[in-house]
Amino acid sequence: MCNSMRLRMTDHRERMFEALLGATGEKTKSKAIDQAVNHYCLCAGENAAHPNGTYEKLMERAIEQGSVTPEEIAEVLGTEELPVDYERKWQVGCR
């Protein structure tokens, strides 16, 4: 059975869908929406799929440790839908 959903498209909503397609690399709005929903539910938590969200985990780590490093932030916030990597690089006198 195929269910469909209709959305009233405004100029803003159309621009946001186009941005979402570009950000996710998906070719269809439905796949891009799937990625966005999965990522949001994982980050926000407090839902059946993800009781503890990544933002909550990050805040708890900061409280426990007193601070977190960029590497730790990337580790906690990175997801399959939106990988987060941190690379520290220094350059002095290079052009």
C-alpha atoms as a PDB file:
ATOM      1  CA  MET A   1       0.000   0.000   0.000  1.00  0.00           C
ATOM      2  CA  CYS A   2       1.355   3.371  -0.958  1.00  0.00           C
ATOM      3  CA  ASN A   3       0.446   6.371   1.138  1.00  0.00           C
ATOM      4  CA  SER A   4       1.091   9.808  -0.196  1.00  0.00           C
ATOM      5  CA  MET A   5       1.424  13.172   1.457  1.00  0.00           C
ATOM      6  CA  ARG A   6       0.626  16.505  -0.103  1.00  0.00           C
ATOM      7  CA  LEU A   7       2.359  19.671   0.967  1.00  0.00           C
ATOM      8  CA  ARG A   8       1.309  23.220   0.230  1.00  0.00           C
ATOM      9  CA  MET A   9       4.448  24.559  -1.413  1.00  0.00           C
ATOM     10  CA  THR A  10       5.454  28.109  -0.616  1.00  0.00           C
ATOM     11  CA  ASP A  11       8.472  29.836  -2.134  1.00  0.00           C
ATOM     12  CA  HIS A  12      10.318  29.435   1.160  1.00  0.00           C
ATOM     13  CA  ARG A  13       9.448  25.737   1.442  1.00  0.00           C
ATOM     14  CA  GLU A  14      10.556  25.105  -2.139  1.00  0.00           C
ATOM     15  CA  ARG A  15      13.893  26.856  -1.473  1.00  0.00           C
ATOM     16  CA  MET A  16      14.346  24.784   1.686  1.00  0.00           C
ATOM     17  CA  PHE A  17      13.653  21.536  -0.183  1.00  0.00           C
ATOM     18  CA  GLU A  18      16.197  22.513  -2.819  1.00  0.00           C
ATOM     19  CA  ALA A  19      18.712  23.296  -0.075  1.00  0.00           C
ATOM     20  CA  LEU A  20      17.942  19.952   1.589  1.00  0.00           C
ATOM     21  CA  LEU A  21      18.520  18.093  -1.668  1.00  0.00           C
ATOM     22  CA  GLY A  22      21.894  19.814  -2.005  1.00  0.00           C
ATOM     23  CA  ALA A  23      22.856  19.262   1.624  1.00  0.00           C
ATOM     24  CA  THR A  24      21.985  15.561   1.635  1.00  0.00           C
ATOM     25  CA  GLY A  25      23.153  14.772  -1.880  1.00  0.00           C
ATOM     26  CA  GLU A  26      19.879  12.971  -2.516  1.00  0.00           C
ATOM     27  CA  LYS A  27      18.097  13.208  -5.851  1.00  0.00           C
ATOM     28  CA  THR A  28      14.535  12.925  -4.538  1.00  0.00           C
ATOM     29  CA  LYS A  29      12.708  14.979  -1.944  1.00  0.00           C
ATOM     30  CA  SER A  30      11.431  11.852  -0.202  1.00  0.00           C
ATOM     31  CA  LYS A  31      14.946  10.464   0.347  1.00  0.00           C
ATOM     32  CA  ALA A  32      16.210  13.852   1.491  1.00  0.00           C
ATOM     33  CA  ILE A  33      13.299  14.117   3.926  1.00  0.00           C
ATOM     34  CA  ASP A  34      14.063  10.604   5.227  1.00  0.00           C
ATOM     35  CA  GLN A  35      17.641  11.644   5.975  1.00  0.00           C
ATOM     36  CA  ALA A  36      16.561  14.884   7.636  1.00  0.00           C
ATOM     37  CA  VAL A  37      13.927  13.155   9.788  1.00  0.00           C
ATOM     38  CA  ASN A  38      16.349  10.416  10.850  1.00  0.00           C
ATOM     39  CA  HIS A  39      19.002  12.958  11.758  1.00  0.00           C
ATOM     40  CA  TYR A  40      16.579  15.208  13.648  1.00  0.00           C
ATOM     41  CA  CYS A  41      15.117  12.322  15.665  1.00  0.00           C
ATOM     42  CA  LEU A  42      18.593  11.057  16.530  1.00  0.00           C
ATOM     43  CA  CYS A  43      19.807  14.485  17.632  1.00  0.00           C
ATOM     44  CA  ALA A  44      16.674  15.530  19.511  1.00  0.00           C
ATOM     45  CA  GLY A  45      16.040  12.222  21.267  1.00  0.00           C
ATOM     46  CA  GLU A  46      13.007  11.649  23.470  1.00  0.00           C
ATOM     47  CA  ASN A  47      11.285   9.591  20.770  1.00  0.00           C
ATOM     48  CA  ALA A  48      10.610   5.881  20.266  1.00  0.00           C
ATOM     49  CA  ALA A  49      13.523   5.435  17.858  1.00  0.00           C
ATOM     50  CA  HIS A  50      16.081   7.348  19.947  1.00  0.00           C
ATOM     51  CA  PRO A  51      15.243   7.900  23.622  1.00  0.00           C
ATOM     52  CA  ASN A  52      18.575   9.665  24.254  1.00  0.00           C
ATOM     53  CA  GLY A  53      19.557  12.194  21.628  1.00  0.00           C
ATOM     54  CA  THR A  54      23.047  13.190  20.611  1.00  0.00           C
ATOM     55  CA  TYR A  55      22.570  16.749  21.904  1.00  0.00           C
ATOM     56  CA  GLU A  56      21.679  15.334  25.312  1.00  0.00           C
ATOM     57  CA  LYS A  57      24.754  13.077  25.208  1.00  0.00           C
ATOM     58  CA  LEU A  58      26.958  16.051  24.352  1.00  0.00           C
ATOM     59  CA  MET A  59      25.546  18.166  27.190  1.00  0.00           C
ATOM     60  CA  GLU A  60      25.972  15.294  29.666  1.00  0.00           C
ATOM     61  CA  ARG A  61      29.588  14.822  28.601  1.00  0.00           C
ATOM     62  CA  ALA A  62      30.268  18.546  29.048  1.00  0.00           C
ATOM     63  CA  ILE A  63      28.770  18.451  32.556  1.00  0.00           C
ATOM     64  CA  GLU A  64      30.702  15.317  33.532  1.00  0.00           C
ATOM     65  CA  GLN A  65      34.055  16.523  32.148  1.00  0.00           C
ATOM     66  CA  GLY A  66      33.675  20.257  32.624  1.00  0.00           C
ATOM     67  CA  SER A  67      34.372  20.860  28.932  1.00  0.00           C
ATOM     68  CA  VAL A  68      34.597  18.997  25.656  1.00  0.00           C
ATOM     69  CA  THR A  69      37.113  19.178  22.850  1.00  0.00           C
ATOM     70  CA  PRO A  70      36.251  19.678  19.180  1.00  0.00           C
ATOM     71  CA  GLU A  71      37.203  16.027  18.597  1.00  0.00           C
ATOM     72  CA  GLU A  72      34.710  14.913  21.253  1.00  0.00           C
ATOM     73  CA  ILE A  73      31.977  17.132  19.824  1.00  0.00           C
ATOM     74  CA  ALA A  74      32.512  15.620  16.370  1.00  0.00           C
ATOM     75  CA  GLU A  75      32.469  12.127  17.857  1.00  0.00           C
ATOM     76  CA  VAL A  76      29.145  12.687  19.625  1.00  0.00           C
ATOM     77  CA  LEU A  77      27.334  14.708  16.944  1.00  0.00           C
ATOM     78  CA  GLY A  78      28.464  12.810  13.852  1.00  0.00           C
ATOM     79  CA  THR A  79      25.785  10.605  12.315  1.00  0.00           C
ATOM     80  CA  GLU A  80      25.454   8.470   9.223  1.00  0.00           C
ATOM     81  CA  GLU A  81      23.207  11.129   7.699  1.00  0.00           C
ATOM     82  CA  LEU A  82      25.510  13.999   8.617  1.00  0.00           C
ATOM     83  CA  PRO A  83      29.078  12.964   9.435  1.00  0.00           C
ATOM     84  CA  VAL A  84      31.036  15.409  11.584  1.00  0.00           C
ATOM     85  CA  ASP A  85      34.830  15.316  11.498  1.00  0.00           C
ATOM     86  CA  TYR A  86      37.382  17.544  13.147  1.00  0.00           C
ATOM     87  CA  GLU A  87      40.878  18.092  11.845  1.00  0.00           C
ATOM     88  CA  ARG A  88      43.366  20.376  13.511  1.00  0.00           C
ATOM     89  CA  LYS A  89      45.860  21.887  11.102  1.00  0.00           C
ATOM     90  CA  TRP A  90      48.459  24.596  11.537  1.00  0.00           C
ATOM     91  CA  GLN A  91      50.385  26.472   8.900  1.00  0.00           C
ATOM     92  CA  VAL A  92      52.977  29.130   9.527  1.00  0.00           C
ATOM     93  CA  GLY A  93      54.657  31.069   6.741  1.00  0.00           C
ATOM     94  CA  CYS A  94      53.023  29.042   3.966  1.00  0.00           C
ATOM     95  CA  ARG A  95      51.465  30.721   0.948  1.00  0.00           C
END
